Amino acid sequence: MTNRSATVQFNPKKILIALLGMVVAIVGLSIYGQKVRFFGVADVRGPWHEFILDQLMKNFYLDAEGNIVTFINALLLFIPSLILTAIGIWKTSVKDKFRFHWIGLALIFFFLSIDEAAVIHENMIKPMRAIVGAEGFFYFAWIIPGIIIVAAFGLVYLMFFLHLENKFKVLFLFSLGVYISGVIGGEMISGYYAANLGLKNYTYAVVASLEESIEYIGCSLIIYSLLKYIEHYLPEGITFKSS
């Protein structure tokens, strides 16, 4: 038997540009689809044109669930889970002090991916609203336990964050900050508009689309940051060996 190895190499910058380009396209399609929904089009040119418009209105609306962009978001969250799993395995092999923190992060993003696909946190809105009677910025009341979870995460991972090199402190803090600001802050803004204008209007649709896009951008930055981390410590890429 001979030893064989395969090396996976990547360009974090090009991957980030591709992901951000995808986000811009999705946001544009989402907003245009809702414009069609609320204002219509001048002329529907046959059944295929009608089919395409219907897909734009339903499958590319960023604030809807169980559609194409929901799948894309779940996939975007699953990618960091895979990268973090690889890092966790590597850290475990060298008995790194913070190996369990890396594995924990992989599990967190795996759960976030499942949550996005299964719409778990949205199902908490009604029971939480019944408990706290939230309105205005807290109209989507799931963000109340969400804020508590984020605070607990910060405490648990404080020492992990402090041990990172300054370069990665900045990268990870910025990317996570953008993601959390989209998840929590953006949802608060959407909740304010939903509470005052309702959910079925073009203004809310635009605000919700832009708010959701911040999550996509944050997740893209997280992927970029993790790839830069691997690139820094494993400059030749990830090598897989078999015998």
C-alpha atoms as a PDB file:
ATOM      1  CA  MET A   1       0.000   0.000   0.000  1.00  0.00           C
ATOM      2  CA  THR A   2       1.236   3.487  -0.799  1.00  0.00           C
ATOM      3  CA  ASN A   3       0.571   6.659   1.091  1.00  0.00           C
ATOM      4  CA  ARG A   4      -1.518   9.136  -0.825  1.00  0.00           C
ATOM      5  CA  SER A   5      -2.470  12.654   0.113  1.00  0.00           C
ATOM      6  CA  ALA A   6      -4.812  15.277  -1.277  1.00  0.00           C
ATOM      7  CA  THR A   7      -4.487  18.957  -0.466  1.00  0.00           C
ATOM      8  CA  VAL A   8      -7.445  21.334  -0.458  1.00  0.00           C
ATOM      9  CA  GLN A   9      -6.382  24.877  -1.280  1.00  0.00           C
ATOM     10  CA  PHE A  10      -8.550  27.986  -1.398  1.00  0.00           C
ATOM     11  CA  ASN A  11      -8.504  31.739  -1.834  1.00  0.00           C
ATOM     12  CA  PRO A  12     -10.475  33.352   1.040  1.00  0.00           C
ATOM     13  CA  LYS A  13     -10.722  36.717  -0.711  1.00  0.00           C
ATOM     14  CA  LYS A  14     -12.192  35.267  -3.907  1.00  0.00           C
ATOM     15  CA  ILE A  15     -14.628  33.147  -1.888  1.00  0.00           C
ATOM     16  CA  LEU A  16     -15.761  36.220   0.057  1.00  0.00           C
ATOM     17  CA  ILE A  17     -16.258  38.239  -3.140  1.00  0.00           C
ATOM     18  CA  ALA A  18     -18.318  35.405  -4.629  1.00  0.00           C
ATOM     19  CA  LEU A  19     -20.462  35.127  -1.487  1.00  0.00           C
ATOM     20  CA  LEU A  20     -21.061  38.883  -1.296  1.00  0.00           C
ATOM     21  CA  GLY A  21     -21.954  38.930  -4.990  1.00  0.00           C
ATOM     22  CA  MET A  22     -24.517  36.218  -4.318  1.00  0.00           C
ATOM     23  CA  VAL A  23     -25.955  38.247  -1.418  1.00  0.00           C
ATOM     24  CA  VAL A  24     -26.346  41.347  -3.598  1.00  0.00           C
ATOM     25  CA  ALA A  25     -28.135  39.286  -6.258  1.00  0.00           C
ATOM     26  CA  ILE A  26     -30.466  37.671  -3.720  1.00  0.00           C
ATOM     27  CA  VAL A  27     -31.373  41.005  -2.125  1.00  0.00           C
ATOM     28  CA  GLY A  28     -32.093  42.510  -5.527  1.00  0.00           C
ATOM     29  CA  LEU A  29     -34.327  39.581  -6.477  1.00  0.00           C
ATOM     30  CA  SER A  30     -36.113  39.707  -3.123  1.00  0.00           C
ATOM     31  CA  ILE A  31     -36.903  43.413  -3.357  1.00  0.00           C
ATOM     32  CA  TYR A  32     -37.897  43.215  -7.019  1.00  0.00           C
ATOM     33  CA  GLY A  33     -40.136  40.215  -6.346  1.00  0.00           C
ATOM     34  CA  GLN A  34     -41.975  42.115  -3.632  1.00  0.00           C
ATOM     35  CA  LYS A  35     -42.320  45.129  -5.896  1.00  0.00           C
ATOM     36  CA  VAL A  36     -44.064  42.833  -8.361  1.00  0.00           C
ATOM     37  CA  ARG A  37     -46.194  41.410  -5.552  1.00  0.00           C
ATOM     38  CA  PHE A  38     -47.490  44.756  -4.323  1.00  0.00           C
ATOM     39  CA  PHE A  39     -47.490  46.839  -7.521  1.00  0.00           C
ATOM     40  CA  GLY A  40     -47.729  44.238 -10.267  1.00  0.00           C
ATOM     41  CA  VAL A  41     -46.169  44.421 -13.743  1.00  0.00           C
ATOM     42  CA  ALA A  42     -47.353  46.204 -16.832  1.00  0.00           C
ATOM     43  CA  ASP A  43     -47.670  43.050 -18.902  1.00  0.00           C
ATOM     44  CA  VAL A  44     -47.507  39.321 -18.076  1.00  0.00           C
ATOM     45  CA  ARG A  45     -46.163  37.665 -21.224  1.00  0.00           C
ATOM     46  CA  GLY A  46     -47.446  34.147 -21.019  1.00  0.00           C
ATOM     47  CA  PRO A  47     -47.362  31.283 -18.489  1.00  0.00           C
ATOM     48  CA  TRP A  48     -43.546  31.074 -18.256  1.00  0.00           C
ATOM     49  CA  HIS A  49     -43.273  34.763 -17.473  1.00  0.00           C
ATOM     50  CA  GLU A  50     -45.966  34.317 -14.832  1.00  0.00           C
ATOM     51  CA  PHE A  51     -44.078  31.320 -13.403  1.00  0.00           C
ATOM     52  CA  ILE A  52     -40.831  33.315 -13.108  1.00  0.00           C
ATOM     53  CA  LEU A  53     -42.596  36.215 -11.418  1.00  0.00           C
ATOM     54  CA  ASP A  54     -44.267  33.796  -9.006  1.00  0.00           C
ATOM     55  CA  GLN A  55     -40.884  32.319  -8.076  1.00  0.00           C
ATOM     56  CA  LEU A  56     -39.469  35.794  -7.455  1.00  0.00           C
ATOM     57  CA  MET A  57     -42.356  36.667  -5.172  1.00  0.00           C
ATOM     58  CA  LYS A  58     -42.279  33.440  -3.167  1.00  0.00           C
ATOM     59  CA  ASN A  59     -38.972  31.590  -3.457  1.00  0.00           C
ATOM     60  CA  PHE A  60     -36.628  34.587  -3.355  1.00  0.00           C
ATOM     61  CA  TYR A  61     -38.300  36.652  -0.639  1.00  0.00           C
ATOM     62  CA  LEU A  62     -35.780  36.888   2.192  1.00  0.00           C
ATOM     63  CA  ASP A  63     -38.409  37.216   4.930  1.00  0.00           C
ATOM     64  CA  ALA A  64     -40.323  34.082   3.895  1.00  0.00           C
ATOM     65  CA  GLU A  65     -39.614  30.587   5.188  1.00  0.00           C
ATOM     66  CA  GLY A  66     -39.238  27.240   3.453  1.00  0.00           C
ATOM     67  CA  ASN A  67     -38.106  28.716   0.148  1.00  0.00           C
ATOM     68  CA  ILE A  68     -34.903  28.823  -1.932  1.00  0.00           C
ATOM     69  CA  VAL A  69     -33.220  31.594   0.047  1.00  0.00           C
ATOM     70  CA  THR A  70     -33.996  29.783   3.310  1.00  0.00           C
ATOM     71  CA  PHE A  71     -32.063  26.793   1.953  1.00  0.00           C
ATOM     72  CA  ILE A  72     -29.180  29.071   0.905  1.00  0.00           C
ATOM     73  CA  ASN A  73     -29.068  30.640   4.375  1.00  0.00           C
ATOM     74  CA  ALA A  74     -29.080  27.208   6.045  1.00  0.00           C
ATOM     75  CA  LEU A  75     -26.239  26.139   3.748  1.00  0.00           C
ATOM     76  CA  LEU A  76     -24.269  29.299   4.515  1.00  0.00           C
ATOM     77  CA  LEU A  77     -24.551  28.511   8.236  1.00  0.00           C
ATOM     78  CA  PHE A  78     -23.598  24.881   7.675  1.00  0.00           C
ATOM     79  CA  ILE A  79     -20.332  25.813   5.922  1.00  0.00           C
ATOM     80  CA  PRO A  80     -18.808  27.436   9.072  1.00  0.00           C
ATOM     81  CA  SER A  81     -19.861  24.328  10.990  1.00  0.00           C
ATOM     82  CA  LEU A  82     -17.833  22.158   8.592  1.00  0.00           C
ATOM     83  CA  ILE A  83     -14.806  24.466   8.741  1.00  0.00           C
ATOM     84  CA  LEU A  84     -14.989  24.652  12.538  1.00  0.00           C
ATOM     85  CA  THR A  85     -15.242  20.859  12.728  1.00  0.00           C
ATOM     86  CA  ALA A  86     -12.023  20.581  10.699  1.00  0.00           C
ATOM     87  CA  ILE A  87     -10.315  23.100  12.965  1.00  0.00           C
ATOM     88  CA  GLY A  88     -11.663  21.294  16.054  1.00  0.00           C
ATOM     89  CA  ILE A  89     -10.254  17.962  14.825  1.00  0.00           C
ATOM     90  CA  TRP A  90      -6.899  19.594  14.166  1.00  0.00           C
ATOM     91  CA  LYS A  91      -6.879  21.305  17.588  1.00  0.00           C
ATOM     92  CA  THR A  92      -7.814  18.021  19.266  1.00  0.00           C
ATOM     93  CA  SER A  93      -4.941  16.218  17.506  1.00  0.00           C
ATOM     94  CA  VAL A  94      -2.462  18.697  18.995  1.00  0.00           C
ATOM     95  CA  LYS A  95      -4.283  18.773  22.374  1.00  0.00           C
ATOM     96  CA  ASP A  96      -4.911  22.504  22.140  1.00  0.00           C
ATOM     97  CA  LYS A  97      -6.220  24.091  25.348  1.00  0.00           C
ATOM     98  CA  PHE A  98      -9.256  25.534  23.558  1.00  0.00           C
ATOM     99  CA  ARG A  99     -10.076  22.524  21.365  1.00  0.00           C
ATOM    100  CA  PHE A 100     -13.492  22.074  22.981  1.00  0.00           C
ATOM    101  CA  HIS A 101     -14.358  25.719  22.278  1.00  0.00           C
ATOM    102  CA  TRP A 102     -13.750  25.110  18.563  1.00  0.00           C
ATOM    103  CA  ILE A 103     -15.888  21.982  18.655  1.00  0.00           C
ATOM    104  CA  GLY A 104     -18.554  23.922  20.563  1.00  0.00           C
ATOM    105  CA  LEU A 105     -18.583  26.584  17.840  1.00  0.00           C
ATOM    106  CA  ALA A 106     -19.026  23.871  15.212  1.00  0.00           C
ATOM    107  CA  LEU A 107     -22.045  22.544  17.110  1.00  0.00           C
ATOM    108  CA  ILE A 108     -23.493  26.049  17.506  1.00  0.00           C
ATOM    109  CA  PHE A 109     -23.366  26.739  13.780  1.00  0.00           C
ATOM    110  CA  PHE A 110     -24.750  23.268  13.055  1.00  0.00           C
ATOM    111  CA  PHE A 111     -27.725  24.086  15.283  1.00  0.00           C
ATOM    112  CA  LEU A 112     -28.133  27.514  13.648  1.00  0.00           C
ATOM    113  CA  SER A 113     -28.261  25.799  10.263  1.00  0.00           C
ATOM    114  CA  ILE A 114     -30.944  23.381  11.466  1.00  0.00           C
ATOM    115  CA  ASP A 115     -32.828  26.243  13.125  1.00  0.00           C
ATOM    116  CA  GLU A 116     -32.867  28.211   9.874  1.00  0.00           C
ATOM    117  CA  ALA A 117     -34.181  25.228   7.909  1.00  0.00           C
ATOM    118  CA  ALA A 118     -36.735  24.163  10.535  1.00  0.00           C
ATOM    119  CA  VAL A 119     -37.878  27.690  11.523  1.00  0.00           C
ATOM    120  CA  ILE A 120     -37.437  26.927  15.235  1.00  0.00           C
ATOM    121  CA  HIS A 121     -36.793  30.433  16.589  1.00  0.00           C
ATOM    122  CA  GLU A 122     -39.695  31.956  14.625  1.00  0.00           C
ATOM    123  CA  ASN A 123     -42.025  29.474  16.330  1.00  0.00           C
ATOM    124  CA  MET A 124     -41.026  31.022  19.669  1.00  0.00           C
ATOM    125  CA  ILE A 125     -42.551  34.406  18.773  1.00  0.00           C
ATOM    126  CA  LYS A 126     -46.144  33.713  19.851  1.00  0.00           C
ATOM    127  CA  PRO A 127     -45.375  31.975  23.184  1.00  0.00           C
ATOM    128  CA  MET A 128     -42.785  34.636  24.091  1.00  0.00           C
ATOM    129  CA  ARG A 129     -45.179  37.429  23.129  1.00  0.00           C
ATOM    130  CA  ALA A 130     -47.816  35.820  25.360  1.00  0.00           C
ATOM    131  CA  ILE A 131     -45.377  35.929  28.281  1.00  0.00           C
ATOM    132  CA  VAL A 132     -43.904  39.413  27.884  1.00  0.00           C
ATOM    133  CA  GLY A 133     -46.484  41.157  25.691  1.00  0.00           C
ATOM    134  CA  ALA A 134     -43.717  42.531  23.475  1.00  0.00           C
ATOM    135  CA  GLU A 135     -44.402  45.277  20.943  1.00  0.00           C
ATOM    136  CA  GLY A 136     -42.374  47.765  18.907  1.00  0.00           C
ATOM    137  CA  PHE A 137     -38.743  46.759  18.576  1.00  0.00           C
ATOM    138  CA  PHE A 138     -39.505  43.532  20.460  1.00  0.00           C
ATOM    139  CA  TYR A 139     -42.478  42.606  18.240  1.00  0.00           C
ATOM    140  CA  PHE A 140     -40.602  39.478  17.159  1.00  0.00           C
ATOM    141  CA  ALA A 141     -40.303  38.388  20.758  1.00  0.00           C
ATOM    142  CA  TRP A 142     -37.894  35.501  20.178  1.00  0.00           C
ATOM    143  CA  ILE A 143     -35.080  38.068  20.279  1.00  0.00           C
ATOM    144  CA  ILE A 144     -35.514  38.384  24.074  1.00  0.00           C
ATOM    145  CA  PRO A 145     -34.159  34.876  24.814  1.00  0.00           C
ATOM    146  CA  GLY A 146     -31.856  35.437  21.829  1.00  0.00           C
ATOM    147  CA  ILE A 147     -30.189  38.398  23.560  1.00  0.00           C
ATOM    148  CA  ILE A 148     -29.752  36.330  26.729  1.00  0.00           C
ATOM    149  CA  ILE A 149     -28.146  33.493  24.740  1.00  0.00           C
ATOM    150  CA  VAL A 150     -25.761  35.908  22.994  1.00  0.00           C
ATOM    151  CA  ALA A 151     -24.732  37.381  26.374  1.00  0.00           C
ATOM    152  CA  ALA A 152     -24.119  33.880  27.786  1.00  0.00           C
ATOM    153  CA  PHE A 153     -22.091  32.994  24.670  1.00  0.00           C
ATOM    154  CA  GLY A 154     -19.925  36.084  25.211  1.00  0.00           C
ATOM    155  CA  LEU A 155     -19.162  35.075  28.798  1.00  0.00           C
ATOM    156  CA  VAL A 156     -18.378  31.440  27.953  1.00  0.00           C
ATOM    157  CA  TYR A 157     -16.105  32.375  25.048  1.00  0.00           C
ATOM    158  CA  LEU A 158     -14.399  35.401  26.602  1.00  0.00           C
ATOM    159  CA  MET A 159     -11.137  33.628  27.433  1.00  0.00           C
ATOM    160  CA  PHE A 160     -11.163  31.878  24.055  1.00  0.00           C
ATOM    161  CA  PHE A 161     -11.465  35.245  22.335  1.00  0.00           C
ATOM    162  CA  LEU A 162      -8.697  36.811  24.431  1.00  0.00           C
ATOM    163  CA  HIS A 163      -6.215  34.056  23.536  1.00  0.00           C
ATOM    164  CA  LEU A 164      -6.487  34.781  19.795  1.00  0.00           C
ATOM    165  CA  GLU A 165      -3.898  36.850  17.987  1.00  0.00           C
ATOM    166  CA  ASN A 166      -4.926  40.485  17.537  1.00  0.00           C
ATOM    167  CA  LYS A 167      -5.462  39.959  13.804  1.00  0.00           C
ATOM    168  CA  PHE A 168      -8.046  37.273  14.434  1.00  0.00           C
ATOM    169  CA  LYS A 169      -9.592  39.104  17.373  1.00  0.00           C
ATOM    170  CA  VAL A 170     -10.496  41.857  14.910  1.00  0.00           C
ATOM    171  CA  LEU A 171     -11.636  39.485  12.156  1.00  0.00           C
ATOM    172  CA  PHE A 172     -13.776  37.281  14.382  1.00  0.00           C
ATOM    173  CA  LEU A 173     -15.218  40.174  16.402  1.00  0.00           C
ATOM    174  CA  PHE A 174     -16.140  42.121  13.259  1.00  0.00           C
ATOM    175  CA  SER A 175     -17.689  39.168  11.413  1.00  0.00           C
ATOM    176  CA  LEU A 176     -19.619  37.937  14.458  1.00  0.00           C
ATOM    177  CA  GLY A 177     -20.649  41.522  15.219  1.00  0.00           C
ATOM    178  CA  VAL A 178     -22.096  41.953  11.721  1.00  0.00           C
ATOM    179  CA  TYR A 179     -23.901  38.617  11.938  1.00  0.00           C
ATOM    180  CA  ILE A 180     -25.379  39.250  15.390  1.00  0.00           C
ATOM    181  CA  SER A 181     -26.354  42.813  14.467  1.00  0.00           C
ATOM    182  CA  GLY A 182     -28.330  41.317  11.576  1.00  0.00           C
ATOM    183  CA  VAL A 183     -29.895  38.549  13.636  1.00  0.00           C
ATOM    184  CA  ILE A 184     -30.813  40.658  16.685  1.00  0.00           C
ATOM    185  CA  GLY A 185     -30.526  44.326  15.690  1.00  0.00           C
ATOM    186  CA  GLY A 186     -31.992  43.850  12.230  1.00  0.00           C
ATOM    187  CA  GLU A 187     -34.867  41.806  13.627  1.00  0.00           C
ATOM    188  CA  MET A 188     -35.623  44.595  16.094  1.00  0.00           C
ATOM    189  CA  ILE A 189     -35.865  47.117  13.249  1.00  0.00           C
ATOM    190  CA  SER A 190     -38.060  44.763  11.217  1.00  0.00           C
ATOM    191  CA  GLY A 191     -40.195  44.209  14.304  1.00  0.00           C
ATOM    192  CA  TYR A 192     -40.693  47.948  14.703  1.00  0.00           C
ATOM    193  CA  TYR A 193     -41.924  48.295  11.123  1.00  0.00           C
ATOM    194  CA  ALA A 194     -44.069  45.148  11.422  1.00  0.00           C
ATOM    195  CA  ALA A 195     -45.692  46.439  14.625  1.00  0.00           C
ATOM    196  CA  ASN A 196     -46.496  49.819  13.062  1.00  0.00           C
ATOM    197  CA  LEU A 197     -47.164  48.977   9.411  1.00  0.00           C
ATOM    198  CA  GLY A 198     -47.965  45.274   9.373  1.00  0.00           C
ATOM    199  CA  LEU A 199     -46.249  42.532   7.417  1.00  0.00           C
ATOM    200  CA  LYS A 200     -48.028  42.863   4.089  1.00  0.00           C
ATOM    201  CA  ASN A 201     -46.674  46.037   2.531  1.00  0.00           C
ATOM    202  CA  TYR A 202     -43.748  46.981   0.314  1.00  0.00           C
ATOM    203  CA  THR A 203     -41.997  49.139   2.933  1.00  0.00           C
ATOM    204  CA  TYR A 204     -41.792  46.248   5.384  1.00  0.00           C
ATOM    205  CA  ALA A 205     -40.717  43.888   2.584  1.00  0.00           C
ATOM    206  CA  VAL A 206     -37.775  46.148   1.656  1.00  0.00           C
ATOM    207  CA  VAL A 207     -36.723  46.641   5.302  1.00  0.00           C
ATOM    208  CA  ALA A 208     -36.957  42.896   5.991  1.00  0.00           C
ATOM    209  CA  SER A 209     -34.958  42.045   2.860  1.00  0.00           C
ATOM    210  CA  LEU A 210     -32.176  44.462   3.790  1.00  0.00           C
ATOM    211  CA  GLU A 211     -32.191  43.262   7.404  1.00  0.00           C
ATOM    212  CA  GLU A 212     -31.925  39.613   6.366  1.00  0.00           C
ATOM    213  CA  SER A 213     -29.076  40.494   4.013  1.00  0.00           C
ATOM    214  CA  ILE A 214     -26.961  41.618   6.983  1.00  0.00           C
ATOM    215  CA  GLU A 215     -27.119  38.058   8.340  1.00  0.00           C
ATOM    216  CA  TYR A 216     -25.925  36.721   4.975  1.00  0.00           C
ATOM    217  CA  ILE A 217     -23.091  39.246   4.880  1.00  0.00           C
ATOM    218  CA  GLY A 218     -22.095  38.414   8.469  1.00  0.00           C
ATOM    219  CA  CYS A 219     -22.080  34.685   7.744  1.00  0.00           C
ATOM    220  CA  SER A 220     -19.990  35.298   4.607  1.00  0.00           C
ATOM    221  CA  LEU A 221     -17.493  37.261   6.712  1.00  0.00           C
ATOM    222  CA  ILE A 222     -17.391  34.444   9.277  1.00  0.00           C
ATOM    223  CA  ILE A 223     -16.532  31.959   6.517  1.00  0.00           C
ATOM    224  CA  TYR A 224     -13.834  34.339   5.279  1.00  0.00           C
ATOM    225  CA  SER A 225     -12.384  34.776   8.798  1.00  0.00           C
ATOM    226  CA  LEU A 226     -12.215  31.021   9.393  1.00  0.00           C
ATOM    227  CA  LEU A 227     -10.556  30.424   6.036  1.00  0.00           C
ATOM    228  CA  LYS A 228      -8.009  33.153   6.816  1.00  0.00           C
ATOM    229  CA  TYR A 229      -7.345  31.428  10.153  1.00  0.00           C
ATOM    230  CA  ILE A 230      -6.655  28.129   8.372  1.00  0.00           C
ATOM    231  CA  GLU A 231      -4.575  29.888   5.727  1.00  0.00           C
ATOM    232  CA  HIS A 232      -2.457  31.525   8.441  1.00  0.00           C
ATOM    233  CA  TYR A 233      -1.764  28.394  10.451  1.00  0.00           C
ATOM    234  CA  LEU A 234      -1.868  25.847   7.609  1.00  0.00           C
ATOM    235  CA  PRO A 235      -0.452  27.834   4.668  1.00  0.00           C
ATOM    236  CA  GLU A 236      -0.329  24.744   2.418  1.00  0.00           C
ATOM    237  CA  GLY A 237      -4.035  24.122   2.889  1.00  0.00           C
ATOM    238  CA  ILE A 238      -5.834  21.156   4.425  1.00  0.00           C
ATOM    239  CA  THR A 239      -4.193  17.822   3.631  1.00  0.00           C
ATOM    240  CA  PHE A 240      -6.052  14.516   3.693  1.00  0.00           C
ATOM    241  CA  LYS A 241      -3.954  11.333   3.832  1.00  0.00           C
ATOM    242  CA  SER A 242      -4.889   7.738   3.154  1.00  0.00           C
ATOM    243  CA  SER A 243      -2.817   4.567   2.901  1.00  0.00           C
END
